Protein backbone atom coordinates (compact mmCIF):
# COMPACT_ATOMS: atom_id res chain seq x y z
CA UNK A 1 -0.19 0.12 -0.11
CA UNK A 2 0.84 3.65 -0.89
CA UNK A 3 0.22 4.82 2.11
CA UNK A 4 2.61 3.40 4.12
CA UNK A 5 4.81 6.39 5.74
CA UNK A 6 8.63 5.71 3.40
CA UNK A 7 10.36 8.05 6.93
CA UNK A 8 9.38 4.27 8.71
CA UNK A 9 11.25 2.05 5.68
CA UNK A 10 14.36 4.02 5.16
CA UNK A 11 16.41 1.44 6.49
CA UNK A 12 14.49 -1.42 5.00
CA UNK A 13 15.49 -3.56 2.50
CA UNK A 14 13.20 -3.48 -0.26
CA UNK A 15 11.64 -7.12 0.05
CA UNK A 16 11.04 -6.77 4.06
CA UNK A 17 9.22 -3.20 2.44
CA UNK A 18 7.92 -4.81 0.03
CA UNK A 19 6.43 -7.21 3.55
CA UNK A 20 5.02 -4.33 5.07
CA UNK A 21 2.92 -2.78 3.08
CA UNK A 22 1.58 -5.88 0.97
CA UNK A 23 0.88 -6.22 5.71
CA UNK A 24 -0.37 -2.28 6.05
CA UNK A 25 -2.48 -3.34 3.16
CA UNK A 26 -5.01 -6.59 4.21
CA UNK A 27 -4.96 -4.50 7.99
CA UNK A 28 -5.75 -0.92 6.72
CA UNK A 29 -8.16 -2.87 4.53
CA UNK A 30 -8.85 -4.70 7.61
CA UNK A 31 -9.80 -2.98 10.41
CA UNK A 32 -10.82 0.12 7.83
CA UNK A 33 -8.28 1.46 8.70
CA UNK A 34 -7.84 5.56 6.83
CA UNK A 35 -4.83 5.94 4.77
CA UNK A 36 -3.45 9.14 6.96
CA UNK A 37 -3.62 9.43 10.10
CA UNK A 38 -2.48 8.28 14.01
CA UNK A 39 -3.71 4.88 13.78
CA UNK A 40 -1.88 4.64 10.63
CA UNK A 41 1.48 6.04 11.46
CA UNK A 42 0.69 3.33 15.22
CA UNK A 43 0.09 0.46 12.96
CA UNK A 44 3.10 1.16 10.49
CA UNK A 45 5.54 1.88 14.37
CA UNK A 46 4.59 -1.44 14.86
CA UNK A 47 4.91 -3.27 11.67
CA UNK A 48 8.50 -1.61 11.86
CA UNK A 49 9.43 -2.76 14.87
CA UNK A 50 7.86 -5.81 14.62
CA UNK A 51 10.06 -6.39 11.38
CA UNK A 52 13.54 -5.59 13.48
CA UNK A 53 12.05 -7.83 16.63
CA UNK A 54 12.12 -10.50 14.04
CA UNK A 55 8.99 -11.47 12.68
CA UNK A 56 9.42 -11.76 9.04
CA UNK A 57 6.86 -13.19 7.82
CA UNK A 58 3.81 -12.61 6.89
CA UNK A 59 1.48 -14.45 8.55
CA UNK A 60 2.86 -14.13 11.97
CA UNK A 61 3.08 -10.03 11.15
CA UNK A 62 -0.12 -10.22 10.39
CA UNK A 63 -1.20 -12.14 14.29
CA UNK A 64 0.44 -9.88 16.14
CA UNK A 65 -0.87 -6.21 13.84
CA UNK A 66 -3.87 -8.49 14.33
CA UNK A 67 -3.59 -8.56 18.35
CA UNK A 68 -1.79 -5.14 18.20
CA UNK A 69 -5.31 -4.35 16.83
CA UNK A 70 -7.40 -5.96 19.18
CA UNK A 71 -5.74 -4.22 21.95
CA UNK A 72 -5.96 -0.87 21.28
CA UNK A 73 -9.73 -1.07 20.57
């Protein structure tokens, strides 16, 4: 998804950016998250932090983000 903040992706590899954009896009659609805004920023930061901590496959990122989203609502 193009709305994934470029400044958060600056230090990542291209395949990691593609993974994050895929997960980010799926979650924005699933939870009807706007393309911009505070909720979007929180989700993007969470995904980058998860990736940096070693969560590197799509299913695991989706699961972690769903738990994160559920804890915030």
